[in-house]
Amino acid sequence: MNITLYLLAGALGSLIKDILADGSIQLPKVVDGKLVLGFIGGMLVGAFVGVIVDGSFLTALMGGFVGISVISNLIPQNGQSNSG
C-alpha cells in the first residue's frame, strides 16, 4: 500500500512541476515516427523517484517534482556534463 502511495505522490509532483513550469501539459504524440511521451514520461520518472527517496508522502512528492531535473542535469549532453 505504501509503495502505491509513493508512486502516486511522485507522479503528482512531476505533474505539478509540468503545470507550474509551462502553465500547461504536453500530451503524448508521434513525431517523425517516434513516440514523444510528453507529461507521461515525466510522471513515470517522478513515480520512480517517489519510490526510491525517503519513505514519506511529502518527500515522494518533492522527489517527483525535482526528479526529471536532477536526471537531466546528470546526463551528459553533447559530450559534456552539466553538473560541473
N, C-alpha and C. Protein backbone atom coordinates (compact mmCIF):
# COMPACT_ATOMS: atom_id res chain seq x y z
N MET A 1 0.82 -1.20 0.00
CA MET A 1 0.00 0.00 0.00
C MET A 1 0.87 1.26 0.00
N ASN A 2 1.93 1.28 0.80
CA ASN A 2 2.79 2.46 0.87
C ASN A 2 3.49 2.73 -0.46
N ILE A 3 3.90 1.68 -1.16
CA ILE A 3 4.60 1.88 -2.43
C ILE A 3 3.67 2.56 -3.43
N THR A 4 2.40 2.16 -3.44
CA THR A 4 1.43 2.78 -4.33
C THR A 4 1.28 4.27 -4.01
N LEU A 5 1.24 4.59 -2.73
CA LEU A 5 1.13 5.98 -2.31
C LEU A 5 2.34 6.79 -2.77
N TYR A 6 3.54 6.23 -2.66
CA TYR A 6 4.76 6.92 -3.08
C TYR A 6 4.82 7.07 -4.60
N LEU A 7 4.36 6.04 -5.33
CA LEU A 7 4.29 6.14 -6.79
C LEU A 7 3.38 7.29 -7.20
N LEU A 8 2.21 7.34 -6.58
CA LEU A 8 1.26 8.40 -6.91
C LEU A 8 1.76 9.78 -6.51
N ALA A 9 2.41 9.86 -5.35
CA ALA A 9 2.95 11.15 -4.90
C ALA A 9 4.04 11.64 -5.84
N GLY A 10 4.93 10.76 -6.26
CA GLY A 10 5.99 11.14 -7.20
C GLY A 10 5.43 11.58 -8.54
N ALA A 11 4.44 10.84 -9.04
CA ALA A 11 3.80 11.19 -10.31
C ALA A 11 3.08 12.53 -10.19
N LEU A 12 2.41 12.75 -9.07
CA LEU A 12 1.71 14.01 -8.85
C LEU A 12 2.69 15.18 -8.77
N GLY A 13 3.83 14.98 -8.10
CA GLY A 13 4.85 16.02 -8.03
C GLY A 13 5.36 16.41 -9.41
N SER A 14 5.56 15.41 -10.27
CA SER A 14 6.02 15.69 -11.63
C SER A 14 4.95 16.43 -12.43
N LEU A 15 3.71 16.05 -12.26
CA LEU A 15 2.61 16.72 -12.96
C LEU A 15 2.50 18.18 -12.51
N ILE A 16 2.62 18.42 -11.22
CA ILE A 16 2.57 19.79 -10.70
C ILE A 16 3.71 20.62 -11.28
N LYS A 17 4.91 20.04 -11.36
CA LYS A 17 6.05 20.75 -11.93
C LYS A 17 5.79 21.14 -13.38
N ASP A 18 5.25 20.20 -14.17
CA ASP A 18 4.95 20.50 -15.57
C ASP A 18 3.94 21.64 -15.70
N ILE A 19 2.93 21.63 -14.86
CA ILE A 19 1.90 22.67 -14.93
C ILE A 19 2.48 24.02 -14.51
N LEU A 20 3.27 24.04 -13.45
CA LEU A 20 3.85 25.30 -12.98
C LEU A 20 4.89 25.86 -13.95
N ALA A 21 5.66 24.98 -14.58
CA ALA A 21 6.71 25.44 -15.48
C ALA A 21 6.15 26.03 -16.77
N ASP A 22 5.13 25.40 -17.34
CA ASP A 22 4.62 25.83 -18.65
C ASP A 22 3.21 26.40 -18.62
N GLY A 23 2.52 26.21 -17.52
CA GLY A 23 1.12 26.61 -17.47
C GLY A 23 0.21 25.63 -18.21
N SER A 24 0.79 24.52 -18.67
CA SER A 24 0.03 23.50 -19.39
C SER A 24 0.80 22.19 -19.33
N ILE A 25 0.19 21.14 -19.89
CA ILE A 25 0.90 19.87 -20.00
C ILE A 25 0.98 19.49 -21.47
N GLN A 26 2.03 18.79 -21.83
CA GLN A 26 2.22 18.35 -23.21
C GLN A 26 1.66 16.95 -23.36
N LEU A 27 0.71 16.78 -24.26
CA LEU A 27 0.12 15.47 -24.50
C LEU A 27 1.07 14.59 -25.31
N PRO A 28 0.99 13.28 -25.13
CA PRO A 28 1.82 12.38 -25.94
C PRO A 28 1.46 12.50 -27.42
N LYS A 29 2.49 12.33 -28.28
CA LYS A 29 2.27 12.41 -29.72
C LYS A 29 3.37 11.66 -30.45
N VAL A 30 3.17 11.42 -31.73
CA VAL A 30 4.17 10.77 -32.57
C VAL A 30 4.78 11.84 -33.47
N VAL A 31 6.12 11.96 -33.40
CA VAL A 31 6.85 12.93 -34.21
C VAL A 31 7.93 12.19 -34.99
N ASP A 32 7.87 12.26 -36.30
CA ASP A 32 8.84 11.57 -37.17
C ASP A 32 8.94 10.09 -36.83
N GLY A 33 7.82 9.46 -36.57
CA GLY A 33 7.80 8.04 -36.28
C GLY A 33 8.24 7.66 -34.87
N LYS A 34 8.50 8.65 -34.01
CA LYS A 34 8.92 8.38 -32.64
C LYS A 34 7.85 8.86 -31.68
N LEU A 35 7.61 8.07 -30.65
CA LEU A 35 6.62 8.44 -29.64
C LEU A 35 7.24 9.39 -28.63
N VAL A 36 6.67 10.58 -28.51
CA VAL A 36 7.08 11.56 -27.51
C VAL A 36 6.08 11.44 -26.37
N LEU A 37 6.55 11.07 -25.19
CA LEU A 37 5.66 10.76 -24.08
C LEU A 37 5.01 11.98 -23.45
N GLY A 38 5.58 13.15 -23.63
CA GLY A 38 5.01 14.34 -23.03
C GLY A 38 5.02 14.26 -21.51
N PHE A 39 3.93 14.67 -20.89
CA PHE A 39 3.87 14.69 -19.43
C PHE A 39 3.89 13.29 -18.83
N ILE A 40 3.52 12.27 -19.60
CA ILE A 40 3.52 10.90 -19.08
C ILE A 40 4.94 10.44 -18.78
N GLY A 41 5.91 10.82 -19.61
CA GLY A 41 7.30 10.48 -19.34
C GLY A 41 7.79 11.06 -18.03
N GLY A 42 7.45 12.32 -17.78
CA GLY A 42 7.82 12.95 -16.53
C GLY A 42 7.16 12.29 -15.34
N MET A 43 5.91 11.88 -15.51
CA MET A 43 5.20 11.21 -14.42
C MET A 43 5.81 9.85 -14.11
N LEU A 44 6.26 9.13 -15.14
CA LEU A 44 6.92 7.84 -14.90
C LEU A 44 8.21 8.02 -14.11
N VAL A 45 9.00 9.01 -14.50
CA VAL A 45 10.24 9.29 -13.77
C VAL A 45 9.92 9.75 -12.35
N GLY A 46 8.94 10.63 -12.22
CA GLY A 46 8.54 11.12 -10.90
C GLY A 46 8.06 10.00 -10.00
N ALA A 47 7.31 9.05 -10.55
CA ALA A 47 6.84 7.92 -9.77
C ALA A 47 8.00 7.07 -9.29
N PHE A 48 8.98 6.83 -10.18
CA PHE A 48 10.16 6.05 -9.80
C PHE A 48 10.94 6.74 -8.69
N VAL A 49 11.18 8.02 -8.86
CA VAL A 49 11.92 8.78 -7.84
C VAL A 49 11.14 8.81 -6.53
N GLY A 50 9.82 8.93 -6.62
CA GLY A 50 8.99 8.93 -5.43
C GLY A 50 9.13 7.68 -4.59
N VAL A 51 9.39 6.56 -5.24
CA VAL A 51 9.56 5.29 -4.51
C VAL A 51 10.95 5.18 -3.90
N ILE A 52 11.98 5.67 -4.59
CA ILE A 52 13.34 5.44 -4.10
C ILE A 52 13.81 6.45 -3.05
N VAL A 53 13.12 7.57 -2.91
CA VAL A 53 13.52 8.54 -1.88
C VAL A 53 12.96 8.12 -0.53
N ASP A 54 13.28 8.89 0.48
CA ASP A 54 12.84 8.64 1.86
C ASP A 54 11.35 8.32 1.92
N GLY A 55 10.95 7.47 2.83
CA GLY A 55 9.60 6.95 2.89
C GLY A 55 8.54 7.84 3.47
N SER A 56 8.29 8.98 2.87
CA SER A 56 7.17 9.81 3.31
C SER A 56 6.48 10.39 2.08
N PHE A 57 5.21 10.73 2.23
CA PHE A 57 4.44 11.27 1.11
C PHE A 57 5.04 12.58 0.62
N LEU A 58 5.38 13.46 1.54
CA LEU A 58 5.91 14.78 1.16
C LEU A 58 7.24 14.65 0.42
N THR A 59 8.11 13.78 0.89
CA THR A 59 9.40 13.59 0.23
C THR A 59 9.21 12.98 -1.15
N ALA A 60 8.28 12.05 -1.28
CA ALA A 60 7.99 11.45 -2.58
C ALA A 60 7.43 12.50 -3.54
N LEU A 61 6.58 13.37 -3.03
CA LEU A 61 6.01 14.45 -3.84
C LEU A 61 7.12 15.39 -4.33
N MET A 62 8.00 15.79 -3.43
CA MET A 62 9.11 16.66 -3.81
C MET A 62 10.11 15.94 -4.72
N GLY A 63 10.32 14.66 -4.48
CA GLY A 63 11.20 13.88 -5.35
C GLY A 63 10.67 13.84 -6.77
N GLY A 64 9.36 13.66 -6.91
CA GLY A 64 8.75 13.69 -8.23
C GLY A 64 8.85 15.05 -8.88
N PHE A 65 8.74 16.10 -8.06
CA PHE A 65 8.82 17.48 -8.56
C PHE A 65 10.19 17.76 -9.16
N VAL A 66 11.25 17.32 -8.51
CA VAL A 66 12.60 17.63 -9.00
C VAL A 66 13.25 16.48 -9.75
N GLY A 67 12.60 15.33 -9.81
CA GLY A 67 13.20 14.12 -10.37
C GLY A 67 13.75 14.27 -11.77
N ILE A 68 12.97 14.76 -12.70
CA ILE A 68 13.41 14.86 -14.08
C ILE A 68 14.51 15.91 -14.24
N SER A 69 14.48 16.96 -13.43
CA SER A 69 15.52 17.99 -13.49
C SER A 69 16.87 17.45 -13.05
N VAL A 70 16.87 16.67 -11.99
CA VAL A 70 18.12 16.08 -11.49
C VAL A 70 18.70 15.12 -12.52
N ILE A 71 17.86 14.27 -13.07
CA ILE A 71 18.34 13.30 -14.05
C ILE A 71 18.86 13.99 -15.30
N SER A 72 18.16 15.01 -15.79
CA SER A 72 18.62 15.70 -16.99
C SER A 72 19.93 16.45 -16.76
N ASN A 73 20.19 16.88 -15.54
CA ASN A 73 21.46 17.54 -15.24
C ASN A 73 22.61 16.55 -15.08
N LEU A 74 22.31 15.31 -14.76
CA LEU A 74 23.35 14.30 -14.60
C LEU A 74 23.76 13.67 -15.92
N ILE A 75 22.87 13.67 -16.90
CA ILE A 75 23.16 13.04 -18.19
C ILE A 75 23.96 14.02 -19.04
N PRO A 76 25.13 13.59 -19.54
CA PRO A 76 25.92 14.48 -20.39
C PRO A 76 25.20 14.76 -21.70
N GLN A 77 25.26 16.00 -22.13
CA GLN A 77 24.67 16.39 -23.40
C GLN A 77 25.77 16.96 -24.28
N ASN A 78 25.84 16.51 -25.51
CA ASN A 78 26.87 16.93 -26.46
C ASN A 78 28.28 16.64 -25.94
N GLY A 79 28.40 15.53 -25.22
CA GLY A 79 29.71 15.12 -24.74
C GLY A 79 30.20 15.83 -23.50
N GLN A 80 29.40 16.72 -22.91
CA GLN A 80 29.83 17.45 -21.73
C GLN A 80 28.82 17.30 -20.61
N SER A 81 29.30 17.19 -19.40
CA SER A 81 28.42 17.07 -18.24
C SER A 81 27.88 18.42 -17.84
N ASN A 82 26.64 18.46 -17.37
CA ASN A 82 26.03 19.72 -16.92
C ASN A 82 26.27 19.96 -15.43
N SER A 83 26.87 19.02 -14.74
CA SER A 83 26.97 19.11 -13.29
C SER A 83 28.26 19.74 -12.80
N GLY A 84 29.05 20.29 -13.66
CA GLY A 84 30.28 20.69 -13.15
C GLY A 84 30.79 22.00 -13.18
